[in-house]
N, C-alpha and C. Protein backbone atom coordinates (compact mmCIF):
# COMPACT_ATOMS: atom_id res chain seq x y z
N MET A 1 57.88 27.19 49.06
CA MET A 1 59.09 27.43 48.33
C MET A 1 58.76 27.44 46.83
N LYS A 2 59.35 28.38 46.14
CA LYS A 2 59.11 28.52 44.71
C LYS A 2 59.94 27.50 43.94
N ARG A 3 59.34 26.91 42.93
CA ARG A 3 60.02 25.91 42.13
C ARG A 3 61.06 26.54 41.21
N ASP A 4 62.24 25.94 41.11
CA ASP A 4 63.28 26.41 40.22
C ASP A 4 63.05 25.78 38.85
N HIS A 5 62.73 26.61 37.86
CA HIS A 5 62.40 26.09 36.53
C HIS A 5 63.61 25.51 35.80
N THR A 6 64.81 25.72 36.30
CA THR A 6 66.00 25.19 35.65
C THR A 6 66.32 23.76 36.11
N GLN A 7 65.65 23.31 37.15
CA GLN A 7 65.90 21.95 37.65
C GLN A 7 64.77 21.02 37.25
N LEU A 8 65.14 19.78 36.98
CA LEU A 8 64.14 18.77 36.63
C LEU A 8 63.42 18.29 37.87
N ASP A 9 62.16 17.95 37.71
CA ASP A 9 61.35 17.42 38.80
C ASP A 9 61.17 15.92 38.56
N PHE A 10 61.79 15.10 39.40
CA PHE A 10 61.72 13.66 39.22
C PHE A 10 60.34 13.09 39.49
N PHE A 11 59.49 13.84 40.18
CA PHE A 11 58.17 13.35 40.55
C PHE A 11 57.06 13.90 39.67
N LEU A 12 57.42 14.77 38.74
CA LEU A 12 56.42 15.37 37.86
C LEU A 12 55.96 14.35 36.83
N GLU A 13 54.66 14.14 36.76
CA GLU A 13 54.10 13.24 35.75
C GLU A 13 53.48 14.08 34.66
N PRO A 14 53.66 13.68 33.39
CA PRO A 14 53.07 14.47 32.32
C PRO A 14 51.55 14.42 32.38
N VAL A 15 50.92 15.53 32.04
CA VAL A 15 49.46 15.59 32.04
C VAL A 15 48.91 14.68 30.94
N PHE A 16 49.58 14.68 29.80
CA PHE A 16 49.17 13.85 28.67
C PHE A 16 50.31 12.89 28.34
N PRO A 17 50.35 11.74 29.02
CA PRO A 17 51.47 10.82 28.81
C PRO A 17 51.47 10.21 27.41
N VAL A 18 52.68 9.98 26.91
CA VAL A 18 52.85 9.27 25.65
C VAL A 18 53.02 7.80 26.01
N ARG A 19 52.20 6.96 25.41
CA ARG A 19 52.20 5.54 25.78
C ARG A 19 52.49 4.67 24.56
N ASP A 20 53.07 3.53 24.84
CA ASP A 20 53.25 2.52 23.80
C ASP A 20 52.13 1.50 23.92
N PRO A 21 51.59 1.08 22.79
CA PRO A 21 50.52 0.07 22.86
C PRO A 21 51.08 -1.28 23.30
N ALA A 22 50.28 -2.01 24.05
CA ALA A 22 50.68 -3.36 24.47
C ALA A 22 50.65 -4.27 23.24
N GLN A 23 51.63 -5.13 23.14
CA GLN A 23 51.69 -6.05 22.01
C GLN A 23 50.78 -7.26 22.20
N LYS A 24 50.45 -7.52 23.47
CA LYS A 24 49.59 -8.65 23.78
C LYS A 24 48.75 -8.29 25.00
N LEU A 25 47.50 -8.65 24.96
CA LEU A 25 46.59 -8.36 26.07
C LEU A 25 46.72 -9.43 27.15
N ASP A 26 47.08 -8.98 28.34
CA ASP A 26 47.05 -9.85 29.51
C ASP A 26 45.67 -9.64 30.13
N LEU A 27 44.72 -10.49 29.78
CA LEU A 27 43.32 -10.29 30.13
C LEU A 27 43.11 -10.15 31.62
N ASP A 28 43.72 -10.99 32.42
CA ASP A 28 43.52 -10.93 33.87
C ASP A 28 44.02 -9.61 34.45
N ARG A 29 45.19 -9.18 34.00
CA ARG A 29 45.77 -7.93 34.49
C ARG A 29 44.94 -6.72 34.06
N TYR A 30 44.50 -6.73 32.80
CA TYR A 30 43.69 -5.62 32.27
C TYR A 30 42.33 -5.57 32.97
N ARG A 31 41.72 -6.72 33.16
CA ARG A 31 40.43 -6.79 33.87
C ARG A 31 40.57 -6.24 35.28
N ALA A 32 41.64 -6.64 35.99
CA ALA A 32 41.86 -6.16 37.35
C ALA A 32 42.10 -4.66 37.37
N LYS A 33 42.85 -4.14 36.40
CA LYS A 33 43.11 -2.71 36.33
C LYS A 33 41.81 -1.93 36.15
N LEU A 34 40.96 -2.38 35.23
CA LEU A 34 39.69 -1.69 35.00
C LEU A 34 38.76 -1.79 36.21
N LYS A 35 38.73 -2.94 36.84
CA LYS A 35 37.87 -3.10 38.02
C LYS A 35 38.33 -2.18 39.15
N ARG A 36 39.64 -2.07 39.33
CA ARG A 36 40.16 -1.15 40.36
C ARG A 36 39.83 0.30 40.01
N ALA A 37 39.93 0.65 38.73
CA ALA A 37 39.62 2.01 38.30
C ALA A 37 38.14 2.32 38.50
N MET A 38 37.28 1.37 38.15
CA MET A 38 35.84 1.59 38.34
C MET A 38 35.50 1.69 39.83
N ALA A 39 36.15 0.86 40.65
CA ALA A 39 35.92 0.93 42.10
C ALA A 39 36.37 2.28 42.65
N ARG A 40 37.49 2.78 42.14
CA ARG A 40 37.97 4.10 42.56
C ARG A 40 36.98 5.20 42.15
N ALA A 41 36.45 5.10 40.93
CA ALA A 41 35.47 6.09 40.46
C ALA A 41 34.25 6.10 41.38
N ILE A 42 33.81 4.93 41.78
CA ILE A 42 32.64 4.83 42.68
C ILE A 42 32.99 5.40 44.06
N ARG A 43 34.18 5.05 44.55
CA ARG A 43 34.62 5.53 45.86
C ARG A 43 34.72 7.06 45.91
N GLU A 44 35.23 7.65 44.83
CA GLU A 44 35.45 9.09 44.79
C GLU A 44 34.18 9.86 44.42
N CYS A 45 33.16 9.16 44.01
CA CYS A 45 31.90 9.78 43.61
C CYS A 45 31.09 10.21 44.85
N PRO A 46 30.43 11.35 44.79
CA PRO A 46 29.63 11.78 45.94
C PRO A 46 28.35 10.96 46.14
N TYR A 47 27.98 10.15 45.16
CA TYR A 47 26.76 9.35 45.25
C TYR A 47 27.06 7.96 45.80
N ASP A 48 26.08 7.36 46.46
CA ASP A 48 26.24 5.98 46.93
C ASP A 48 25.97 5.02 45.77
N ARG A 49 26.28 3.74 45.97
CA ARG A 49 26.15 2.74 44.91
C ARG A 49 24.73 2.62 44.35
N PRO A 50 23.69 2.58 45.18
CA PRO A 50 22.33 2.51 44.61
C PRO A 50 22.00 3.71 43.72
N THR A 51 22.47 4.89 44.12
CA THR A 51 22.23 6.09 43.32
C THR A 51 23.00 6.03 42.01
N ILE A 52 24.23 5.55 42.07
CA ILE A 52 25.04 5.39 40.85
C ILE A 52 24.35 4.41 39.91
N ALA A 53 23.87 3.29 40.45
CA ALA A 53 23.16 2.29 39.63
C ALA A 53 21.92 2.91 38.99
N ALA A 54 21.19 3.72 39.75
CA ALA A 54 19.99 4.37 39.23
C ALA A 54 20.35 5.38 38.14
N ARG A 55 21.43 6.12 38.35
CA ARG A 55 21.88 7.09 37.32
C ARG A 55 22.31 6.36 36.05
N MET A 56 22.97 5.21 36.22
CA MET A 56 23.36 4.43 35.05
C MET A 56 22.13 3.96 34.28
N ALA A 57 21.15 3.46 35.00
CA ALA A 57 19.93 2.96 34.37
C ALA A 57 19.23 4.09 33.61
N GLN A 58 19.15 5.25 34.23
CA GLN A 58 18.51 6.40 33.58
C GLN A 58 19.27 6.78 32.31
N TYR A 59 20.58 6.80 32.37
CA TYR A 59 21.43 7.14 31.22
C TYR A 59 21.21 6.16 30.07
N LEU A 60 21.06 4.88 30.42
CA LEU A 60 20.88 3.83 29.41
C LEU A 60 19.43 3.65 28.98
N GLY A 61 18.50 4.32 29.68
CA GLY A 61 17.09 4.17 29.35
C GLY A 61 16.53 2.83 29.79
N LEU A 62 17.10 2.28 30.86
CA LEU A 62 16.64 1.01 31.40
C LEU A 62 15.79 1.26 32.64
N PRO A 63 14.89 0.31 32.98
CA PRO A 63 14.09 0.50 34.19
C PRO A 63 14.95 0.53 35.46
N SER A 64 16.00 -0.30 35.50
CA SER A 64 16.87 -0.31 36.67
C SER A 64 18.14 -1.10 36.38
N ILE A 65 19.14 -0.86 37.20
CA ILE A 65 20.36 -1.68 37.24
C ILE A 65 20.53 -2.06 38.69
N ASN A 66 20.76 -3.31 38.90
CA ASN A 66 20.91 -3.86 40.24
C ASN A 66 22.24 -3.42 40.85
N LYS A 67 22.23 -3.04 42.12
CA LYS A 67 23.45 -2.68 42.84
C LYS A 67 24.41 -3.87 42.87
N ALA A 68 23.88 -5.07 42.95
CA ALA A 68 24.73 -6.27 42.96
C ALA A 68 25.49 -6.40 41.64
N THR A 69 24.87 -6.00 40.54
CA THR A 69 25.53 -6.03 39.24
C THR A 69 26.69 -5.04 39.24
N LEU A 70 26.44 -3.88 39.78
CA LEU A 70 27.49 -2.86 39.89
C LEU A 70 28.65 -3.40 40.73
N ASP A 71 28.32 -4.08 41.82
CA ASP A 71 29.35 -4.69 42.66
C ASP A 71 30.15 -5.75 41.90
N ALA A 72 29.46 -6.53 41.07
CA ALA A 72 30.13 -7.57 40.29
C ALA A 72 31.11 -6.97 39.28
N TYR A 73 30.75 -5.82 38.72
CA TYR A 73 31.64 -5.15 37.76
C TYR A 73 32.96 -4.74 38.40
N THR A 74 32.94 -4.44 39.70
CA THR A 74 34.13 -3.93 40.37
C THR A 74 34.84 -4.97 41.24
N ALA A 75 34.28 -6.15 41.37
CA ALA A 75 34.89 -7.20 42.21
C ALA A 75 35.97 -7.92 41.40
N GLU A 76 37.21 -7.80 41.84
CA GLU A 76 38.32 -8.46 41.14
C GLU A 76 38.21 -9.98 41.21
N SER A 77 37.49 -10.48 42.20
CA SER A 77 37.35 -11.92 42.37
C SER A 77 36.39 -12.53 41.35
N LYS A 78 35.63 -11.67 40.64
CA LYS A 78 34.66 -12.17 39.66
C LYS A 78 35.11 -11.81 38.25
N ALA A 79 34.93 -12.74 37.34
CA ALA A 79 35.29 -12.52 35.94
C ALA A 79 34.08 -11.98 35.17
N HIS A 80 33.32 -11.12 35.81
CA HIS A 80 32.12 -10.53 35.23
C HIS A 80 32.52 -9.20 34.61
N ASP A 81 32.60 -9.15 33.27
CA ASP A 81 33.04 -7.94 32.59
C ASP A 81 31.88 -7.03 32.26
N ILE A 82 32.14 -5.74 32.31
CA ILE A 82 31.15 -4.73 31.99
C ILE A 82 31.11 -4.52 30.48
N THR A 83 29.92 -4.26 29.94
CA THR A 83 29.80 -3.98 28.51
C THR A 83 30.19 -2.53 28.26
N MET A 84 30.48 -2.20 27.02
CA MET A 84 30.88 -0.83 26.68
C MET A 84 29.78 0.19 27.00
N PRO A 85 28.51 -0.07 26.65
CA PRO A 85 27.48 0.91 27.00
C PRO A 85 27.35 1.11 28.52
N ARG A 86 27.48 0.04 29.28
CA ARG A 86 27.39 0.18 30.73
C ARG A 86 28.63 0.86 31.31
N PHE A 87 29.78 0.64 30.69
CA PHE A 87 31.00 1.36 31.10
C PHE A 87 30.80 2.86 30.87
N ALA A 88 30.23 3.21 29.71
CA ALA A 88 29.94 4.62 29.41
C ALA A 88 28.98 5.19 30.44
N ALA A 89 27.98 4.41 30.81
CA ALA A 89 27.01 4.86 31.81
C ALA A 89 27.66 5.03 33.17
N LEU A 90 28.58 4.15 33.52
CA LEU A 90 29.29 4.27 34.81
C LEU A 90 30.16 5.53 34.83
N ALA A 91 30.88 5.77 33.74
CA ALA A 91 31.71 6.98 33.66
C ALA A 91 30.83 8.23 33.78
N HIS A 92 29.67 8.19 33.14
CA HIS A 92 28.73 9.32 33.22
C HIS A 92 28.15 9.46 34.63
N ALA A 93 27.70 8.36 35.19
CA ALA A 93 27.03 8.39 36.50
C ALA A 93 27.95 8.83 37.62
N THR A 94 29.23 8.55 37.50
CA THR A 94 30.20 8.92 38.54
C THR A 94 30.96 10.20 38.21
N ASP A 95 30.69 10.76 37.04
CA ASP A 95 31.43 11.94 36.55
C ASP A 95 32.93 11.66 36.50
N ALA A 96 33.29 10.44 36.17
CA ALA A 96 34.70 10.02 36.11
C ALA A 96 35.09 9.76 34.66
N LEU A 97 35.17 10.83 33.87
CA LEU A 97 35.54 10.66 32.47
C LEU A 97 36.95 10.12 32.30
N TRP A 98 37.77 10.24 33.32
CA TRP A 98 39.13 9.70 33.29
C TRP A 98 39.13 8.19 33.14
N LEU A 99 37.99 7.54 33.40
CA LEU A 99 37.90 6.09 33.20
C LEU A 99 38.21 5.71 31.75
N TRP A 100 37.80 6.58 30.82
CA TRP A 100 38.08 6.30 29.40
C TRP A 100 39.57 6.24 29.15
N ASP A 101 40.33 7.09 29.79
CA ASP A 101 41.77 7.08 29.63
C ASP A 101 42.36 5.78 30.16
N GLU A 102 41.84 5.32 31.30
CA GLU A 102 42.29 4.05 31.87
C GLU A 102 42.02 2.90 30.91
N ALA A 103 40.83 2.89 30.32
CA ALA A 103 40.46 1.80 29.42
C ALA A 103 41.27 1.82 28.13
N ALA A 104 41.55 3.00 27.62
CA ALA A 104 42.22 3.12 26.33
C ALA A 104 43.74 3.05 26.41
N SER A 105 44.30 3.22 27.59
CA SER A 105 45.75 3.30 27.73
C SER A 105 46.46 2.04 27.21
N LEU A 106 45.82 0.92 27.28
CA LEU A 106 46.40 -0.34 26.81
C LEU A 106 46.77 -0.26 25.32
N GLN A 107 45.99 0.50 24.57
CA GLN A 107 46.21 0.63 23.14
C GLN A 107 47.22 1.73 22.79
N GLY A 108 47.81 2.35 23.82
CA GLY A 108 48.75 3.43 23.58
C GLY A 108 48.07 4.77 23.39
N VAL A 109 46.80 4.84 23.78
CA VAL A 109 45.98 6.04 23.58
C VAL A 109 45.97 6.88 24.85
N THR A 110 46.00 8.19 24.68
CA THR A 110 45.79 9.12 25.77
C THR A 110 44.55 9.93 25.44
N MET A 111 43.58 9.92 26.32
CA MET A 111 42.32 10.60 26.07
C MET A 111 42.43 12.09 26.40
N LEU A 112 41.82 12.89 25.55
CA LEU A 112 41.68 14.32 25.80
C LEU A 112 40.21 14.58 26.06
N ILE A 113 39.93 15.30 27.13
CA ILE A 113 38.55 15.53 27.53
C ILE A 113 38.20 16.99 27.31
N GLY A 114 37.09 17.21 26.63
CA GLY A 114 36.60 18.57 26.41
C GLY A 114 37.60 19.43 25.67
N GLU A 115 37.87 20.59 26.23
CA GLU A 115 38.72 21.56 25.55
C GLU A 115 40.21 21.23 25.63
N GLU A 116 40.56 20.11 26.25
CA GLU A 116 41.95 19.66 26.20
C GLU A 116 42.35 19.44 24.74
N ALA A 117 41.40 19.07 23.91
CA ALA A 117 41.67 18.87 22.49
C ALA A 117 42.10 20.19 21.84
N VAL A 118 41.57 21.31 22.31
CA VAL A 118 41.98 22.61 21.79
C VAL A 118 43.45 22.87 22.12
N LEU A 119 43.87 22.48 23.32
CA LEU A 119 45.28 22.63 23.68
C LEU A 119 46.17 21.83 22.74
N ALA A 120 45.75 20.63 22.41
CA ALA A 120 46.51 19.79 21.48
C ALA A 120 46.56 20.44 20.10
N GLU A 121 45.45 21.01 19.67
CA GLU A 121 45.39 21.68 18.37
C GLU A 121 46.30 22.91 18.35
N ILE A 122 46.33 23.66 19.46
CA ILE A 122 47.22 24.82 19.56
C ILE A 122 48.67 24.37 19.45
N ALA A 123 49.03 23.31 20.17
CA ALA A 123 50.40 22.80 20.12
C ALA A 123 50.76 22.34 18.71
N TYR A 124 49.81 21.70 18.04
CA TYR A 124 50.05 21.26 16.66
C TYR A 124 50.28 22.47 15.75
N CYS A 125 49.45 23.50 15.89
CA CYS A 125 49.60 24.71 15.07
C CYS A 125 50.96 25.37 15.32
N ARG A 126 51.38 25.42 16.57
CA ARG A 126 52.69 26.01 16.89
C ARG A 126 53.81 25.18 16.28
N GLN A 127 53.67 23.89 16.29
CA GLN A 127 54.68 23.02 15.67
C GLN A 127 54.74 23.29 14.16
N GLU A 128 53.57 23.43 13.55
CA GLU A 128 53.52 23.73 12.12
C GLU A 128 54.12 25.11 11.83
N GLN A 129 53.87 26.09 12.72
CA GLN A 129 54.47 27.41 12.56
C GLN A 129 55.99 27.32 12.54
N ARG A 130 56.55 26.52 13.47
CA ARG A 130 58.01 26.35 13.53
C ARG A 130 58.52 25.66 12.26
N ARG A 131 57.77 24.69 11.78
CA ARG A 131 58.18 23.98 10.55
C ARG A 131 58.19 24.94 9.36
N TRP A 132 57.13 25.75 9.24
CA TRP A 132 57.06 26.70 8.14
C TRP A 132 58.12 27.79 8.27
N ALA A 133 58.38 28.24 9.50
CA ALA A 133 59.42 29.25 9.72
C ALA A 133 60.79 28.70 9.30
N ALA A 134 61.04 27.44 9.62
CA ALA A 134 62.30 26.80 9.22
C ALA A 134 62.38 26.70 7.70
N GLU A 135 61.28 26.42 7.04
CA GLU A 135 61.26 26.33 5.58
C GLU A 135 61.52 27.70 4.95
N VAL A 136 60.90 28.75 5.50
CA VAL A 136 61.14 30.11 5.00
C VAL A 136 62.60 30.49 5.20
N LYS A 137 63.15 30.14 6.35
CA LYS A 137 64.56 30.43 6.64
C LYS A 137 65.47 29.72 5.64
N ARG A 138 65.15 28.47 5.34
CA ARG A 138 65.94 27.70 4.37
C ARG A 138 65.88 28.35 2.99
N LEU A 139 64.67 28.77 2.60
CA LEU A 139 64.50 29.36 1.27
C LEU A 139 65.16 30.74 1.16
N THR A 140 65.23 31.47 2.25
CA THR A 140 65.82 32.81 2.21
C THR A 140 67.28 32.83 2.66
N ALA A 141 67.88 31.68 2.82
CA ALA A 141 69.26 31.60 3.31
C ALA A 141 70.26 32.11 2.27
N ARG A 142 69.89 32.10 1.03
CA ARG A 142 70.80 32.61 -0.01
C ARG A 142 70.08 33.69 -0.79
N PRO A 143 70.84 34.58 -1.38
CA PRO A 143 70.21 35.66 -2.16
C PRO A 143 69.42 35.08 -3.34
N ILE A 144 68.34 35.71 -3.63
CA ILE A 144 67.50 35.29 -4.75
C ILE A 144 67.71 36.29 -5.88
N ARG A 145 68.15 35.79 -7.03
CA ARG A 145 68.39 36.65 -8.18
C ARG A 145 67.22 36.50 -9.13
N ILE A 146 66.60 37.61 -9.42
CA ILE A 146 65.47 37.61 -10.35
C ILE A 146 65.94 38.24 -11.65
N THR A 147 65.75 37.52 -12.71
CA THR A 147 66.12 38.04 -14.01
C THR A 147 64.95 38.82 -14.60
N SER A 148 65.28 39.75 -15.44
CA SER A 148 64.26 40.58 -16.05
C SER A 148 63.44 39.73 -17.02
N ARG A 149 62.18 39.94 -17.01
CA ARG A 149 61.27 39.19 -17.91
C ARG A 149 60.95 40.03 -19.15
N GLY A 150 61.48 41.19 -19.18
CA GLY A 150 61.23 42.08 -20.33
C GLY A 150 59.92 42.80 -20.15
N LYS A 151 59.82 43.93 -20.81
CA LYS A 151 58.59 44.72 -20.70
C LYS A 151 57.67 44.38 -21.83
N VAL A 152 56.42 44.39 -21.53
CA VAL A 152 55.41 44.12 -22.55
C VAL A 152 54.81 45.39 -23.06
């Protein structure tokens, strides 16, 4: 069935949500959210955990990363937090760049990946075009009388 563009879709989620930053960090809740997101990235990744750990190690230039360490990063029962470089390596190793959006959402940030930034720039330019068009309309709303400056 074709969608009727005149009706609102109650289930439609924005691609680039506008978020409000949290005023206070609930560390346990944020830690659990990130651990669930990292576990999802691993689950959805075509590589197994040892391969992901090896890819992380290669990305970081380390001899190895233990699979047990990777498990600790995703276990909600453990208060073992991942470092930022290792988080970057996990996002890279699993091809889950959306993890950055999960991590940054607490601050009210929405991540744009790759050429999504170009879409944002296009939207900004169109907004500026409308602003300038409104300014031109305002300036031309009344007749402009030019007085003679005399001939030289």
